[in-house]
Amino acid sequence: MKEQFFSKIVGTTFVTNSYELMSNLGSGDKLLLQREPNNKYDSNAIAVLNTDSKKLGHIPKDTAVELSRHIDNGKQWQCYVSEITGHQYQNLGCNIKIILE
């Protein structure tokens, strides 16, 4: 896996208050990655949280497969907001940058 890459947050429609939470984010804001090995839908799941530990959504499933192995093996990854999209449609999305520490 590269030492840094871009991805997005998925599953935001299943998160209570995701629109409000994401509307308070800006480019460069730090986010937290939290493994969810007991997630009933995906044992590789990685939640994306704001700095108040409120869930925004998840890393895409295909990305989480490899990233979860790295996290489980002790590698530290940092996550930042790259861009908030969809303002004009009131359907916010969040592109993120993930960097190996």
N, C-alpha and C. Protein backbone atom coordinates (compact mmCIF):
# COMPACT_ATOMS: atom_id res chain seq x y z
N MET A 1 0.85 -1.18 0.00
CA MET A 1 0.00 0.00 0.00
C MET A 1 0.89 1.24 0.00
N LYS A 2 0.50 2.23 -0.77
CA LYS A 2 1.26 3.47 -0.85
C LYS A 2 1.31 4.18 0.50
N GLU A 3 2.29 5.06 0.67
CA GLU A 3 2.41 5.78 1.94
C GLU A 3 1.37 6.87 2.10
N GLN A 4 0.73 7.26 1.01
CA GLN A 4 -0.42 8.17 1.10
C GLN A 4 -1.31 7.92 -0.11
N PHE A 5 -2.60 8.11 0.09
CA PHE A 5 -3.55 7.93 -1.00
C PHE A 5 -4.84 8.68 -0.66
N PHE A 6 -5.66 8.85 -1.67
CA PHE A 6 -6.95 9.52 -1.50
C PHE A 6 -8.06 8.48 -1.57
N SER A 7 -9.11 8.75 -0.84
CA SER A 7 -10.28 7.88 -0.84
C SER A 7 -11.49 8.76 -0.53
N LYS A 8 -12.57 8.16 -0.11
CA LYS A 8 -13.76 8.92 0.28
C LYS A 8 -14.44 8.21 1.43
N ILE A 9 -15.35 8.90 2.06
CA ILE A 9 -16.15 8.30 3.12
C ILE A 9 -17.44 7.79 2.48
N VAL A 10 -17.78 6.54 2.77
CA VAL A 10 -19.01 5.94 2.25
C VAL A 10 -19.95 5.63 3.40
N GLY A 11 -21.21 5.37 3.07
CA GLY A 11 -22.19 4.98 4.07
C GLY A 11 -22.73 6.11 4.91
N THR A 12 -22.52 7.33 4.46
CA THR A 12 -22.96 8.48 5.26
C THR A 12 -24.48 8.55 5.42
N THR A 13 -25.20 8.00 4.48
CA THR A 13 -26.67 8.05 4.58
C THR A 13 -27.19 7.17 5.71
N PHE A 14 -26.35 6.27 6.22
CA PHE A 14 -26.76 5.39 7.32
C PHE A 14 -26.36 5.94 8.68
N VAL A 15 -25.76 7.14 8.69
CA VAL A 15 -25.25 7.74 9.92
C VAL A 15 -26.16 8.90 10.31
N THR A 16 -26.65 8.88 11.55
CA THR A 16 -27.47 9.97 12.06
C THR A 16 -26.65 11.25 12.10
N ASN A 17 -27.23 12.34 11.62
CA ASN A 17 -26.61 13.67 11.62
C ASN A 17 -25.37 13.78 10.73
N SER A 18 -25.20 12.90 9.76
CA SER A 18 -23.99 12.96 8.93
C SER A 18 -23.91 14.29 8.16
N TYR A 19 -25.05 14.78 7.67
CA TYR A 19 -25.03 16.05 6.94
C TYR A 19 -24.52 17.17 7.84
N GLU A 20 -25.05 17.25 9.05
CA GLU A 20 -24.64 18.29 9.99
C GLU A 20 -23.17 18.13 10.37
N LEU A 21 -22.75 16.91 10.64
CA LEU A 21 -21.36 16.66 11.03
C LEU A 21 -20.40 17.04 9.90
N MET A 22 -20.73 16.65 8.67
CA MET A 22 -19.83 16.96 7.55
C MET A 22 -19.87 18.42 7.15
N SER A 23 -20.98 19.09 7.38
CA SER A 23 -21.06 20.51 7.03
C SER A 23 -20.14 21.35 7.91
N ASN A 24 -19.70 20.79 9.04
CA ASN A 24 -18.78 21.49 9.93
C ASN A 24 -17.32 21.19 9.64
N LEU A 25 -17.05 20.39 8.61
CA LEU A 25 -15.68 20.03 8.27
C LEU A 25 -15.15 20.91 7.15
N GLY A 26 -13.84 21.05 7.11
CA GLY A 26 -13.19 21.80 6.04
C GLY A 26 -11.92 21.10 5.61
N SER A 27 -11.42 21.49 4.47
CA SER A 27 -10.20 20.92 3.92
C SER A 27 -9.06 21.00 4.94
N GLY A 28 -8.38 19.90 5.15
CA GLY A 28 -7.26 19.84 6.08
C GLY A 28 -7.63 19.39 7.48
N ASP A 29 -8.92 19.34 7.80
CA ASP A 29 -9.34 18.90 9.14
C ASP A 29 -8.93 17.44 9.36
N LYS A 30 -8.46 17.16 10.56
CA LYS A 30 -8.05 15.81 10.93
C LYS A 30 -9.27 14.95 11.22
N LEU A 31 -9.21 13.71 10.79
CA LEU A 31 -10.23 12.72 11.08
C LEU A 31 -9.57 11.51 11.74
N LEU A 32 -10.34 10.65 12.33
CA LEU A 32 -9.83 9.47 13.01
C LEU A 32 -10.30 8.21 12.29
N LEU A 33 -9.43 7.21 12.26
CA LEU A 33 -9.79 5.91 11.69
C LEU A 33 -9.93 4.92 12.83
N GLN A 34 -11.02 4.18 12.84
CA GLN A 34 -11.27 3.22 13.91
C GLN A 34 -11.66 1.87 13.31
N ARG A 35 -10.85 0.86 13.59
CA ARG A 35 -11.18 -0.49 13.11
C ARG A 35 -12.43 -1.00 13.79
N GLU A 36 -13.22 -1.73 13.02
CA GLU A 36 -14.44 -2.38 13.53
C GLU A 36 -14.41 -3.85 13.15
N PRO A 37 -13.52 -4.64 13.75
CA PRO A 37 -13.40 -6.05 13.36
C PRO A 37 -14.65 -6.87 13.64
N ASN A 38 -15.51 -6.38 14.52
CA ASN A 38 -16.75 -7.10 14.83
C ASN A 38 -17.95 -6.56 14.07
N ASN A 39 -17.71 -5.73 13.07
CA ASN A 39 -18.79 -5.20 12.24
C ASN A 39 -19.51 -6.37 11.57
N LYS A 40 -20.83 -6.44 11.73
CA LYS A 40 -21.56 -7.61 11.22
C LYS A 40 -21.64 -7.68 9.69
N TYR A 41 -21.33 -6.57 9.00
CA TYR A 41 -21.37 -6.56 7.54
C TYR A 41 -20.01 -6.76 6.90
N ASP A 42 -18.92 -6.42 7.64
CA ASP A 42 -17.58 -6.48 7.06
C ASP A 42 -16.54 -6.51 8.18
N SER A 43 -15.84 -7.63 8.31
CA SER A 43 -14.84 -7.75 9.38
C SER A 43 -13.61 -6.87 9.13
N ASN A 44 -13.49 -6.30 7.92
CA ASN A 44 -12.39 -5.37 7.61
C ASN A 44 -12.81 -3.91 7.78
N ALA A 45 -13.99 -3.68 8.27
CA ALA A 45 -14.55 -2.32 8.34
C ALA A 45 -13.65 -1.36 9.11
N ILE A 46 -13.58 -0.14 8.57
CA ILE A 46 -12.86 0.95 9.22
C ILE A 46 -13.78 2.16 9.23
N ALA A 47 -14.17 2.58 10.42
CA ALA A 47 -15.03 3.75 10.56
C ALA A 47 -14.17 5.01 10.48
N VAL A 48 -14.77 6.07 9.95
CA VAL A 48 -14.14 7.39 9.92
C VAL A 48 -14.91 8.27 10.90
N LEU A 49 -14.17 8.86 11.85
CA LEU A 49 -14.78 9.68 12.90
C LEU A 49 -14.23 11.10 12.84
N ASN A 50 -15.03 12.05 13.32
CA ASN A 50 -14.49 13.40 13.48
C ASN A 50 -13.67 13.43 14.77
N THR A 51 -13.08 14.55 15.09
CA THR A 51 -12.23 14.63 16.29
C THR A 51 -13.02 14.57 17.60
N ASP A 52 -14.35 14.63 17.51
CA ASP A 52 -15.20 14.43 18.68
C ASP A 52 -15.64 12.97 18.79
N SER A 53 -15.01 12.12 17.98
CA SER A 53 -15.30 10.67 17.94
C SER A 53 -16.72 10.34 17.49
N LYS A 54 -17.31 11.21 16.66
CA LYS A 54 -18.62 10.94 16.09
C LYS A 54 -18.43 10.35 14.70
N LYS A 55 -19.10 9.23 14.46
CA LYS A 55 -18.94 8.51 13.20
C LYS A 55 -19.53 9.29 12.03
N LEU A 56 -18.72 9.39 10.95
CA LEU A 56 -19.16 10.03 9.72
C LEU A 56 -19.56 8.99 8.67
N GLY A 57 -18.94 7.84 8.73
CA GLY A 57 -19.16 6.78 7.75
C GLY A 57 -18.00 5.81 7.81
N HIS A 58 -17.69 5.20 6.66
CA HIS A 58 -16.65 4.17 6.61
C HIS A 58 -15.72 4.39 5.40
N ILE A 59 -14.58 3.74 5.47
CA ILE A 59 -13.67 3.62 4.33
C ILE A 59 -14.34 2.65 3.35
N PRO A 60 -14.24 2.87 2.02
CA PRO A 60 -14.82 1.92 1.07
C PRO A 60 -14.30 0.50 1.30
N LYS A 61 -15.17 -0.46 1.09
CA LYS A 61 -14.87 -1.86 1.38
C LYS A 61 -13.61 -2.36 0.69
N ASP A 62 -13.42 -2.03 -0.58
CA ASP A 62 -12.25 -2.52 -1.30
C ASP A 62 -10.95 -1.93 -0.74
N THR A 63 -10.97 -0.71 -0.27
CA THR A 63 -9.80 -0.09 0.35
C THR A 63 -9.56 -0.65 1.74
N ALA A 64 -10.64 -0.92 2.46
CA ALA A 64 -10.53 -1.40 3.85
C ALA A 64 -9.88 -2.78 3.94
N VAL A 65 -9.99 -3.58 2.89
CA VAL A 65 -9.40 -4.92 2.93
C VAL A 65 -7.91 -4.83 3.23
N GLU A 66 -7.18 -4.04 2.46
CA GLU A 66 -5.74 -3.92 2.66
C GLU A 66 -5.40 -3.02 3.84
N LEU A 67 -6.10 -1.89 3.97
CA LEU A 67 -5.80 -0.94 5.04
C LEU A 67 -6.01 -1.57 6.42
N SER A 68 -7.03 -2.40 6.56
CA SER A 68 -7.30 -3.03 7.86
C SER A 68 -6.15 -3.93 8.28
N ARG A 69 -5.54 -4.63 7.32
CA ARG A 69 -4.38 -5.47 7.65
C ARG A 69 -3.22 -4.64 8.16
N HIS A 70 -2.99 -3.50 7.53
CA HIS A 70 -1.92 -2.60 7.98
C HIS A 70 -2.19 -2.10 9.40
N ILE A 71 -3.41 -1.67 9.64
CA ILE A 71 -3.78 -1.16 10.97
C ILE A 71 -3.65 -2.28 12.00
N ASP A 72 -4.14 -3.47 11.67
CA ASP A 72 -4.08 -4.60 12.60
C ASP A 72 -2.63 -5.00 12.91
N ASN A 73 -1.73 -4.71 11.99
CA ASN A 73 -0.31 -5.02 12.19
C ASN A 73 0.46 -3.86 12.82
N GLY A 74 -0.28 -2.86 13.32
CA GLY A 74 0.34 -1.80 14.10
C GLY A 74 0.78 -0.56 13.34
N LYS A 75 0.54 -0.51 12.03
CA LYS A 75 0.91 0.70 11.29
C LYS A 75 -0.07 1.82 11.63
N GLN A 76 0.47 3.01 11.79
CA GLN A 76 -0.34 4.18 12.15
C GLN A 76 -0.62 5.01 10.90
N TRP A 77 -1.85 5.27 10.64
CA TRP A 77 -2.29 6.07 9.50
C TRP A 77 -3.00 7.31 10.01
N GLN A 78 -2.75 8.44 9.36
CA GLN A 78 -3.44 9.69 9.66
C GLN A 78 -4.44 9.94 8.54
N CYS A 79 -5.53 10.60 8.87
CA CYS A 79 -6.58 10.85 7.90
C CYS A 79 -7.00 12.32 7.99
N TYR A 80 -7.15 12.95 6.82
CA TYR A 80 -7.51 14.37 6.75
C TYR A 80 -8.58 14.58 5.68
N VAL A 81 -9.41 15.58 5.88
CA VAL A 81 -10.38 15.97 4.86
C VAL A 81 -9.61 16.56 3.69
N SER A 82 -9.88 16.05 2.51
CA SER A 82 -9.31 16.60 1.29
C SER A 82 -10.28 17.62 0.70
N GLU A 83 -11.55 17.25 0.65
CA GLU A 83 -12.56 18.13 0.06
C GLU A 83 -13.96 17.68 0.48
N ILE A 84 -14.81 18.64 0.76
CA ILE A 84 -16.23 18.37 0.99
C ILE A 84 -16.94 18.67 -0.33
N THR A 85 -17.72 17.72 -0.82
CA THR A 85 -18.40 17.87 -2.10
C THR A 85 -19.91 17.89 -1.90
N GLY A 86 -20.63 18.30 -2.94
CA GLY A 86 -22.08 18.21 -2.95
C GLY A 86 -22.83 19.34 -2.28
N HIS A 87 -22.15 20.43 -1.93
CA HIS A 87 -22.84 21.54 -1.26
C HIS A 87 -24.05 22.02 -2.06
N GLN A 88 -23.87 22.14 -3.36
CA GLN A 88 -24.94 22.69 -4.20
C GLN A 88 -26.16 21.79 -4.26
N TYR A 89 -25.98 20.50 -3.94
CA TYR A 89 -27.10 19.56 -3.99
C TYR A 89 -27.61 19.19 -2.60
N GLN A 90 -27.01 19.75 -1.57
CA GLN A 90 -27.33 19.42 -0.18
C GLN A 90 -27.22 17.90 0.05
N ASN A 91 -26.23 17.32 -0.60
CA ASN A 91 -25.94 15.90 -0.48
C ASN A 91 -24.43 15.79 -0.30
N LEU A 92 -23.96 16.08 0.91
CA LEU A 92 -22.53 16.20 1.15
C LEU A 92 -21.81 14.88 1.05
N GLY A 93 -20.61 14.96 0.50
CA GLY A 93 -19.68 13.84 0.47
C GLY A 93 -18.35 14.34 0.99
N CYS A 94 -17.47 13.43 1.32
CA CYS A 94 -16.18 13.83 1.87
C CYS A 94 -15.07 12.99 1.25
N ASN A 95 -14.17 13.68 0.54
CA ASN A 95 -12.97 13.04 0.03
C ASN A 95 -11.90 13.18 1.10
N ILE A 96 -11.10 12.13 1.28
CA ILE A 96 -10.11 12.12 2.35
C ILE A 96 -8.73 11.74 1.82
N LYS A 97 -7.73 12.17 2.58
CA LYS A 97 -6.33 11.81 2.30
C LYS A 97 -5.85 11.00 3.49
N ILE A 98 -5.27 9.82 3.21
CA ILE A 98 -4.78 8.93 4.25
C ILE A 98 -3.27 8.81 4.09
N ILE A 99 -2.55 9.04 5.18
CA ILE A 99 -1.08 9.11 5.14
C ILE A 99 -0.51 8.15 6.18
N LEU A 100 0.50 7.38 5.77
CA LEU A 100 1.22 6.53 6.72
C LEU A 100 2.14 7.40 7.55
N GLU A 101 2.07 7.27 8.88
CA GLU A 101 2.91 8.07 9.78
C GLU A 101 4.34 7.61 9.71
